[in-house]
Amino acid sequence: MKLSICLITMNRADQLIRALESCTDCNLPNGTEFVILDNASTDKNAKKVEAFIAKHPKVTVNYKYSPNNLGVGGGRAKAFELATGDVTYFLDDDAVIADGSKEQFFTKSLTIFENNPEVASLTTNIYDEALKCDRDIYKTGIKVAGLPITFSYLGGSHFLRKEYFDLPLYLNIKYGNEEDYPAIVAQDKGYFNVFDKDLCVIHKPKVNKWVDGTENMKNVLINITANVYATKRILYPLVVRP
């Protein structure tokens, strides 16, 4: 397999299929597989995936049901472990590849990896319908392969060169900046995370979790802070640990 398209899902059957269909509408390279990690769904996810497979008999699909909710980090780590492609692509199950990007989305991304062995990860642009804007990502003024270097990558839509990352991919934290740890590890090995604004996905959440003052937002901020702290504790030299 050359490319593994990975989706983590939980009780979003209709949105999952919409995300999968947005990928099959693209120019997919030969040797593409789909890896679907189901985080203990109680809806009709499995049946919907069966129908998707029947509709696309030439598409390779590895559907894995987890009886326990592994969370975002745990689910992605498991999907990454199951993926057999040289490059893995993660797409949120409530997002779709933008129509204007479908022609080149996967072909351009793989070309970037093939021609630039120093690139470890590639983040695409993410337009968030709840926030009504593009997701923010920290970019430097330095470029690799004509693309700006980033500190980390965005979880909602990113490509990883599998051999440059360790197993397990993420710390055992369910949600919150879980991408920082593997991104830093890759940089420590001398590789780069880059961003391509011309490749775009659209995030279509049913519920906006980024609402200030809500209990959910409070939990999100707590998890983000905990993950950043845990990452520093593990990776920083003892003399500069927080």
Protein backbone atom coordinates (compact mmCIF):
# COMPACT_ATOMS: atom_id res chain seq x y z
CA MET A 1 0.00 0.00 0.00
CA LYS A 2 1.18 3.50 -0.85
CA LEU A 3 -1.42 5.61 0.97
CA SER A 4 -3.55 4.89 4.03
CA ILE A 5 -6.54 7.20 4.56
CA CYS A 6 -7.47 6.99 8.25
CA LEU A 7 -10.67 8.15 9.95
CA ILE A 8 -11.60 7.90 13.62
CA THR A 9 -15.33 7.86 14.24
CA MET A 10 -17.94 7.62 16.97
CA ASN A 11 -21.71 7.84 16.41
CA ARG A 12 -21.41 9.89 13.23
CA ALA A 13 -22.50 7.34 10.64
CA ASP A 14 -23.86 9.79 8.08
CA GLN A 15 -20.99 12.23 8.48
CA LEU A 16 -18.46 9.40 8.25
CA ILE A 17 -19.85 8.27 4.89
CA ARG A 18 -19.85 11.84 3.63
CA ALA A 19 -16.18 12.14 4.61
CA LEU A 20 -15.33 8.82 2.91
CA GLU A 21 -17.19 9.76 -0.25
CA SER A 22 -15.32 13.06 -0.43
CA CYS A 23 -12.10 11.00 -0.56
CA THR A 24 -13.31 8.56 -3.22
CA ASP A 25 -14.36 11.56 -5.32
CA CYS A 26 -10.66 12.53 -5.49
CA ASN A 27 -7.93 11.17 -7.71
CA LEU A 28 -6.74 8.29 -5.54
CA PRO A 29 -3.34 6.74 -6.27
CA ASN A 30 -2.99 3.02 -6.85
CA GLY A 31 -2.46 1.14 -3.62
CA THR A 32 -4.77 3.29 -1.50
CA GLU A 33 -6.47 1.78 1.55
CA PHE A 34 -8.97 3.16 4.06
CA VAL A 35 -8.51 2.49 7.78
CA ILE A 36 -11.59 3.22 9.91
CA LEU A 37 -11.27 3.05 13.69
CA ASP A 38 -14.70 2.98 15.34
CA ASN A 39 -14.57 4.31 18.90
CA ALA A 40 -17.32 2.14 20.44
CA SER A 41 -20.16 3.58 18.33
CA THR A 42 -23.70 2.65 19.25
CA ASP A 43 -25.33 3.90 16.04
CA LYS A 44 -25.33 2.34 12.55
CA ASN A 45 -21.70 2.99 11.71
CA ALA A 46 -20.88 -0.64 10.88
CA LYS A 47 -23.85 -1.04 8.53
CA LYS A 48 -23.10 2.25 6.83
CA VAL A 49 -19.50 1.17 6.26
CA GLU A 50 -20.71 -2.16 4.85
CA ALA A 51 -22.89 -0.24 2.39
CA PHE A 52 -19.93 1.99 1.47
CA ILE A 53 -17.76 -1.08 0.78
CA ALA A 54 -20.50 -2.62 -1.38
CA LYS A 55 -20.75 0.62 -3.34
CA HIS A 56 -16.97 0.76 -3.84
CA PRO A 57 -15.88 -2.87 -4.34
CA LYS A 58 -12.47 -1.88 -5.69
CA VAL A 59 -11.60 0.13 -2.57
CA THR A 60 -9.64 -1.59 0.21
CA VAL A 61 -11.23 -0.90 3.61
CA ASN A 62 -9.96 -2.03 7.01
CA TYR A 63 -12.76 -1.39 9.53
CA LYS A 64 -11.83 -1.90 13.18
CA TYR A 65 -14.40 -1.65 15.98
CA SER A 66 -13.07 -0.84 19.43
CA PRO A 67 -15.38 -1.87 22.30
CA ASN A 68 -13.86 0.97 24.33
CA ASN A 69 -13.69 4.64 23.42
CA LEU A 70 -9.98 5.23 22.85
CA GLY A 71 -10.42 8.96 22.40
CA VAL A 72 -8.91 11.01 19.60
CA GLY A 73 -5.27 10.34 20.42
CA GLY A 74 -5.76 6.67 21.22
CA GLY A 75 -7.95 6.12 18.17
CA ARG A 76 -5.48 7.79 15.82
CA ALA A 77 -2.61 5.87 17.38
CA LYS A 78 -4.44 2.58 16.75
CA ALA A 79 -5.33 3.52 13.17
CA PHE A 80 -1.71 4.55 12.55
CA GLU A 81 -0.59 1.16 13.83
CA LEU A 82 -3.07 -0.63 11.51
CA ALA A 83 -2.13 1.45 8.45
CA THR A 84 0.15 -0.25 5.92
CA GLY A 85 0.83 2.74 3.67
CA ASP A 86 4.12 4.59 3.41
CA VAL A 87 2.09 7.76 3.96
CA THR A 88 -0.95 8.02 6.23
CA TYR A 89 -3.63 10.69 5.88
CA PHE A 90 -5.94 11.53 8.78
CA LEU A 91 -9.28 13.23 8.13
CA ASP A 92 -11.85 14.06 10.81
CA ASP A 93 -15.09 12.14 10.33
CA ASP A 94 -17.06 15.41 10.34
CA ALA A 95 -14.99 17.00 7.59
CA VAL A 96 -14.89 16.73 3.80
CA ILE A 97 -12.29 17.50 1.17
CA ALA A 98 -13.20 20.78 -0.54
CA ASP A 99 -14.44 20.47 -4.12
CA GLY A 100 -11.75 22.82 -5.40
CA SER A 101 -8.98 20.58 -3.98
CA LYS A 102 -10.21 17.15 -5.02
CA GLU A 103 -8.30 17.00 -8.31
CA GLN A 104 -4.85 17.39 -6.71
CA PHE A 105 -5.43 16.68 -3.02
CA PHE A 106 -3.75 13.27 -2.79
CA THR A 107 -1.59 13.36 -5.91
CA LYS A 108 0.11 16.64 -4.96
CA SER A 109 0.58 15.56 -1.34
CA LEU A 110 2.28 12.29 -2.26
CA THR A 111 4.48 14.11 -4.78
CA ILE A 112 5.66 16.43 -2.01
CA PHE A 113 6.68 13.43 0.10
CA GLU A 114 8.31 11.62 -2.81
CA ASN A 115 10.43 14.63 -3.80
CA ASN A 116 11.29 15.91 -0.33
CA PRO A 117 12.58 13.21 2.04
CA GLU A 118 13.10 15.80 4.79
CA VAL A 119 9.31 16.34 5.11
CA ALA A 120 7.74 14.34 7.96
CA SER A 121 4.22 15.79 8.00
CA LEU A 122 2.00 17.91 5.78
CA THR A 123 -0.97 19.85 7.12
CA THR A 124 -3.68 21.05 4.76
CA ASN A 125 -5.81 24.13 5.19
CA ILE A 126 -8.97 23.55 7.27
CA TYR A 127 -11.96 25.85 6.91
CA ASP A 128 -14.18 25.52 9.98
CA GLU A 129 -17.87 26.18 9.35
CA ALA A 130 -18.51 26.65 13.09
CA LEU A 131 -15.77 29.26 13.48
CA LYS A 132 -16.40 30.76 10.01
CA CYS A 133 -12.67 30.94 9.31
CA ASP A 134 -9.59 28.89 8.53
CA ARG A 135 -8.02 27.00 11.42
CA ASP A 136 -4.99 28.80 12.77
CA ILE A 137 -1.58 27.14 12.54
CA TYR A 138 1.79 28.51 13.64
CA LYS A 139 4.00 28.98 10.56
CA THR A 140 7.60 30.14 10.35
CA GLY A 141 9.12 32.26 7.61
CA ILE A 142 11.34 29.36 6.57
CA LYS A 143 10.19 27.11 3.74
CA VAL A 144 10.87 23.51 2.74
CA ALA A 145 9.65 22.26 -0.64
CA GLY A 146 8.26 25.78 -1.13
CA LEU A 147 5.97 25.32 1.90
CA PRO A 148 6.22 27.09 5.28
CA ILE A 149 7.57 25.05 8.19
CA THR A 150 5.14 24.63 11.09
CA PHE A 151 5.75 23.77 14.74
CA SER A 152 3.15 21.00 14.69
CA TYR A 153 0.40 19.74 12.40
CA LEU A 154 -3.39 20.12 12.61
CA GLY A 155 -5.20 16.97 13.70
CA GLY A 156 -8.23 17.46 11.45
CA SER A 157 -6.38 16.97 8.15
CA HIS A 158 -2.76 15.91 7.89
CA PHE A 159 -0.38 13.52 6.15
CA LEU A 160 2.41 11.65 7.98
CA ARG A 161 5.39 9.82 6.52
CA LYS A 162 5.00 6.69 8.63
CA GLU A 163 8.65 5.67 8.97
CA TYR A 164 9.55 8.98 10.65
CA PHE A 165 7.17 8.49 13.59
CA ASP A 166 7.36 6.10 16.53
CA LEU A 167 4.77 3.74 18.00
CA PRO A 168 2.60 4.52 19.81
CA LEU A 169 2.02 7.69 17.83
CA TYR A 170 0.38 9.66 20.67
CA LEU A 171 0.55 9.94 24.41
CA ASN A 172 -2.33 8.26 26.21
CA ILE A 173 -4.44 11.44 26.40
CA LYS A 174 -7.94 11.47 24.93
CA TYR A 175 -8.03 15.00 23.53
CA GLY A 176 -6.08 18.24 23.43
CA ASN A 177 -3.00 19.17 21.35
CA GLU A 178 -2.08 15.50 21.07
CA GLU A 179 -0.20 16.32 17.86
CA ASP A 180 2.57 18.22 19.70
CA TYR A 181 4.38 15.13 20.96
CA PRO A 182 4.90 13.29 17.64
CA ALA A 183 5.60 16.57 15.82
CA ILE A 184 8.41 17.43 18.26
CA VAL A 185 9.81 13.89 18.08
CA ALA A 186 9.98 14.14 14.27
CA GLN A 187 11.75 17.51 14.49
CA ASP A 188 14.25 16.10 16.97
CA LYS A 189 15.15 13.54 14.29
CA GLY A 190 15.90 16.38 11.85
CA TYR A 191 12.67 16.35 9.83
CA PHE A 192 10.10 19.07 9.13
CA ASN A 193 6.37 19.67 9.44
CA VAL A 194 4.98 21.80 6.59
CA PHE A 195 1.69 23.46 5.61
CA ASP A 196 -0.01 23.74 2.21
CA LYS A 197 -2.74 26.39 2.04
CA ASP A 198 -3.81 25.31 -1.45
CA LEU A 199 -5.07 21.91 -0.23
CA CYS A 200 -8.27 22.41 1.73
CA VAL A 201 -10.85 20.50 3.73
CA ILE A 202 -14.06 21.83 5.25
CA HIS A 203 -14.87 21.00 8.86
CA LYS A 204 -18.63 20.58 9.32
CA PRO A 205 -19.30 19.97 13.03
CA LYS A 206 -22.84 19.32 14.20
CA VAL A 207 -22.01 21.03 17.49
CA ASN A 208 -19.54 23.86 17.99
CA LYS A 209 -17.34 22.76 20.91
CA TRP A 210 -15.34 26.00 20.81
CA VAL A 211 -17.87 28.14 22.70
CA ASP A 212 -16.30 30.25 25.45
CA GLY A 213 -17.74 29.84 28.94
CA THR A 214 -19.22 26.38 28.38
CA GLU A 215 -18.37 23.29 30.41
CA ASN A 216 -17.18 21.53 27.26
CA MET A 217 -14.78 24.36 26.39
CA LYS A 218 -13.47 24.30 29.95
CA ASN A 219 -12.70 20.59 29.60
CA VAL A 220 -11.06 21.16 26.21
CA LEU A 221 -8.75 23.82 27.68
CA ILE A 222 -7.89 21.58 30.65
CA ASN A 223 -6.97 18.71 28.34
CA ILE A 224 -4.91 20.96 26.05
CA THR A 225 -2.96 22.31 29.03
CA ALA A 226 -2.43 18.82 30.46
CA ASN A 227 -1.14 17.49 27.15
CA VAL A 228 1.33 20.35 26.65
CA TYR A 229 2.59 19.85 30.21
CA ALA A 230 2.92 16.07 29.76
CA THR A 231 4.77 16.55 26.47
CA LYS A 232 7.27 18.90 28.11
CA ARG A 233 7.77 16.55 31.06
CA ILE A 234 8.60 13.68 28.72
CA LEU A 235 10.72 15.48 26.12
CA TYR A 236 12.49 18.34 27.91
CA PRO A 237 15.85 17.82 29.64
CA LEU A 238 15.47 17.62 33.41
CA VAL A 239 17.10 21.00 33.99
CA VAL A 240 14.42 22.88 32.02
CA ARG A 241 11.35 20.80 32.85
CA PRO A 242 8.37 22.84 34.03
